[in-house]
């Protein structure tokens, strides 16, 4: 299955923080560094992602 990765609206092509997310199914959200697309990925449940977003928004 080919994943559709979506870049964060806060990411820029020239900035150091480039985050992308994909949703392969309803039970997982994948997160990766867009500068390293073949590198490690985080797999989060929707509840964990929802809890993480306010934290990330403050950074």
N, C-alpha and C. Protein backbone atom coordinates (compact mmCIF):
# COMPACT_ATOMS: atom_id res chain seq x y z
N UNK A 1 0.84 -1.18 0.00
CA UNK A 1 0.00 0.00 0.00
C UNK A 1 0.89 1.25 0.00
N UNK A 2 0.62 2.15 -0.89
CA UNK A 2 1.34 3.43 -0.96
C UNK A 2 0.66 4.41 -0.01
N UNK A 3 1.46 4.99 0.88
CA UNK A 3 0.93 5.95 1.84
C UNK A 3 0.91 7.35 1.26
N UNK A 4 -0.09 8.11 1.62
CA UNK A 4 -0.15 9.53 1.25
C UNK A 4 0.34 10.34 2.45
N UNK A 5 1.53 10.90 2.32
CA UNK A 5 2.13 11.69 3.40
C UNK A 5 1.72 13.15 3.23
N UNK A 6 1.34 13.77 4.33
CA UNK A 6 0.91 15.16 4.33
C UNK A 6 1.87 15.95 5.21
N UNK A 7 2.45 16.99 4.64
CA UNK A 7 3.42 17.82 5.38
C UNK A 7 2.68 18.79 6.28
N UNK A 8 3.21 18.97 7.47
CA UNK A 8 2.64 19.93 8.42
C UNK A 8 2.62 21.32 7.82
N UNK A 9 1.57 22.06 8.11
CA UNK A 9 1.49 23.44 7.62
C UNK A 9 2.54 24.33 8.28
N UNK A 10 3.13 23.88 9.37
CA UNK A 10 4.19 24.63 10.04
C UNK A 10 5.56 24.31 9.47
N UNK A 11 5.66 23.29 8.64
CA UNK A 11 6.93 22.92 8.03
C UNK A 11 7.18 23.78 6.81
N UNK A 12 8.45 24.07 6.57
CA UNK A 12 8.83 24.80 5.37
C UNK A 12 9.89 24.00 4.64
N UNK A 13 10.05 24.24 3.39
CA UNK A 13 11.05 23.49 2.62
C UNK A 13 12.46 23.83 3.05
N UNK A 14 12.67 25.00 3.63
CA UNK A 14 14.02 25.40 4.02
C UNK A 14 14.25 25.29 5.53
N UNK A 15 13.19 25.00 6.29
CA UNK A 15 13.34 24.96 7.75
C UNK A 15 13.83 23.62 8.25
N UNK A 16 14.31 23.59 9.48
CA UNK A 16 14.85 22.36 10.05
C UNK A 16 13.78 21.39 10.53
N UNK A 17 12.57 21.85 10.75
CA UNK A 17 11.52 21.01 11.32
C UNK A 17 10.49 20.67 10.26
N UNK A 18 10.65 19.51 9.65
CA UNK A 18 9.73 19.10 8.58
C UNK A 18 9.07 17.79 8.99
N UNK A 19 7.83 17.89 9.38
CA UNK A 19 7.09 16.73 9.85
C UNK A 19 6.00 16.39 8.85
N UNK A 20 5.85 15.08 8.59
CA UNK A 20 4.78 14.59 7.73
C UNK A 20 4.01 13.51 8.47
N UNK A 21 2.73 13.40 8.17
CA UNK A 21 1.89 12.37 8.77
C UNK A 21 1.15 11.61 7.67
N UNK A 22 0.83 10.37 7.99
CA UNK A 22 0.03 9.53 7.10
C UNK A 22 -0.91 8.70 7.96
N UNK A 23 -2.05 8.37 7.39
CA UNK A 23 -3.03 7.55 8.10
C UNK A 23 -3.33 6.31 7.27
N UNK A 24 -2.59 5.21 7.51
CA UNK A 24 -2.80 4.01 6.72
C UNK A 24 -4.13 3.33 7.01
N UNK A 25 -4.65 3.53 8.20
CA UNK A 25 -5.96 2.99 8.58
C UNK A 25 -6.48 3.81 9.75
N UNK A 26 -7.64 3.46 10.26
CA UNK A 26 -8.25 4.26 11.33
C UNK A 26 -7.63 4.04 12.70
N UNK A 27 -6.72 3.07 12.81
CA UNK A 27 -6.17 2.76 14.12
C UNK A 27 -4.74 3.29 14.33
N UNK A 28 -4.14 3.90 13.30
CA UNK A 28 -2.76 4.38 13.42
C UNK A 28 -2.56 5.71 12.69
N UNK A 29 -1.68 6.52 13.25
CA UNK A 29 -1.18 7.71 12.58
C UNK A 29 0.33 7.56 12.55
N UNK A 30 0.91 7.68 11.37
CA UNK A 30 2.35 7.58 11.22
C UNK A 30 2.95 8.97 11.12
N UNK A 31 4.10 9.16 11.72
CA UNK A 31 4.79 10.45 11.72
C UNK A 31 6.23 10.21 11.31
N UNK A 32 6.74 11.06 10.41
CA UNK A 32 8.13 10.94 9.97
C UNK A 32 8.73 12.31 9.73
N UNK A 33 10.05 12.32 9.61
CA UNK A 33 10.80 13.52 9.24
C UNK A 33 10.86 13.55 7.71
N UNK A 34 10.33 14.57 7.09
CA UNK A 34 10.26 14.62 5.63
C UNK A 34 11.64 14.68 4.98
N UNK A 35 12.65 15.11 5.74
CA UNK A 35 14.00 15.16 5.19
C UNK A 35 14.64 13.77 5.15
N UNK A 36 14.02 12.79 5.82
CA UNK A 36 14.53 11.43 5.87
C UNK A 36 13.37 10.45 5.65
N UNK A 37 12.78 10.43 4.45
CA UNK A 37 11.57 9.65 4.21
C UNK A 37 11.74 8.14 4.40
N UNK A 38 12.95 7.64 4.31
CA UNK A 38 13.18 6.21 4.51
C UNK A 38 13.63 5.90 5.94
N UNK A 39 13.68 6.92 6.77
CA UNK A 39 14.13 6.75 8.15
C UNK A 39 13.02 6.24 9.05
N UNK A 40 13.24 6.34 10.35
CA UNK A 40 12.26 5.82 11.31
C UNK A 40 10.95 6.59 11.27
N UNK A 41 9.91 5.89 11.67
CA UNK A 41 8.57 6.48 11.75
C UNK A 41 7.99 6.17 13.13
N UNK A 42 7.21 7.09 13.61
CA UNK A 42 6.44 6.84 14.83
C UNK A 42 5.06 6.35 14.42
N UNK A 43 4.55 5.36 15.12
CA UNK A 43 3.18 4.89 14.90
C UNK A 43 2.40 5.19 16.17
N UNK A 44 1.40 6.03 16.05
CA UNK A 44 0.61 6.46 17.20
C UNK A 44 -0.85 6.07 17.03
N UNK A 45 -1.51 5.83 18.14
CA UNK A 45 -2.96 5.65 18.09
C UNK A 45 -3.60 7.02 17.92
N UNK A 46 -4.82 7.08 17.44
CA UNK A 46 -5.48 8.39 17.34
C UNK A 46 -5.54 9.11 18.69
N UNK A 47 -5.75 8.38 19.79
CA UNK A 47 -5.81 9.01 21.12
C UNK A 47 -4.45 9.60 21.49
N UNK A 48 -3.37 8.89 21.22
CA UNK A 48 -2.03 9.40 21.53
C UNK A 48 -1.71 10.62 20.67
N UNK A 49 -2.09 10.60 19.40
CA UNK A 49 -1.87 11.73 18.50
C UNK A 49 -2.62 12.96 19.00
N UNK A 50 -3.87 12.77 19.38
CA UNK A 50 -4.70 13.86 19.89
C UNK A 50 -4.10 14.46 21.16
N UNK A 51 -3.57 13.62 22.03
CA UNK A 51 -2.94 14.10 23.25
C UNK A 51 -1.62 14.82 22.97
N UNK A 52 -0.91 14.40 21.92
CA UNK A 52 0.37 14.99 21.58
C UNK A 52 0.24 16.37 20.92
N UNK A 53 -0.78 16.60 20.14
CA UNK A 53 -0.92 17.84 19.38
C UNK A 53 -0.83 19.12 20.21
N UNK A 54 -1.51 19.24 21.35
CA UNK A 54 -1.36 20.47 22.14
C UNK A 54 0.09 20.69 22.60
N UNK A 55 0.78 19.62 22.96
CA UNK A 55 2.18 19.73 23.34
C UNK A 55 3.02 20.27 22.18
N UNK A 56 2.84 19.69 20.99
CA UNK A 56 3.62 20.09 19.83
C UNK A 56 3.30 21.53 19.42
N UNK A 57 2.07 21.94 19.59
CA UNK A 57 1.68 23.30 19.20
C UNK A 57 2.38 24.37 20.04
N UNK A 58 2.79 23.99 21.24
CA UNK A 58 3.47 24.95 22.13
C UNK A 58 4.95 25.06 21.82
N UNK A 59 5.49 24.22 20.97
CA UNK A 59 6.94 24.19 20.69
C UNK A 59 7.30 25.04 19.52
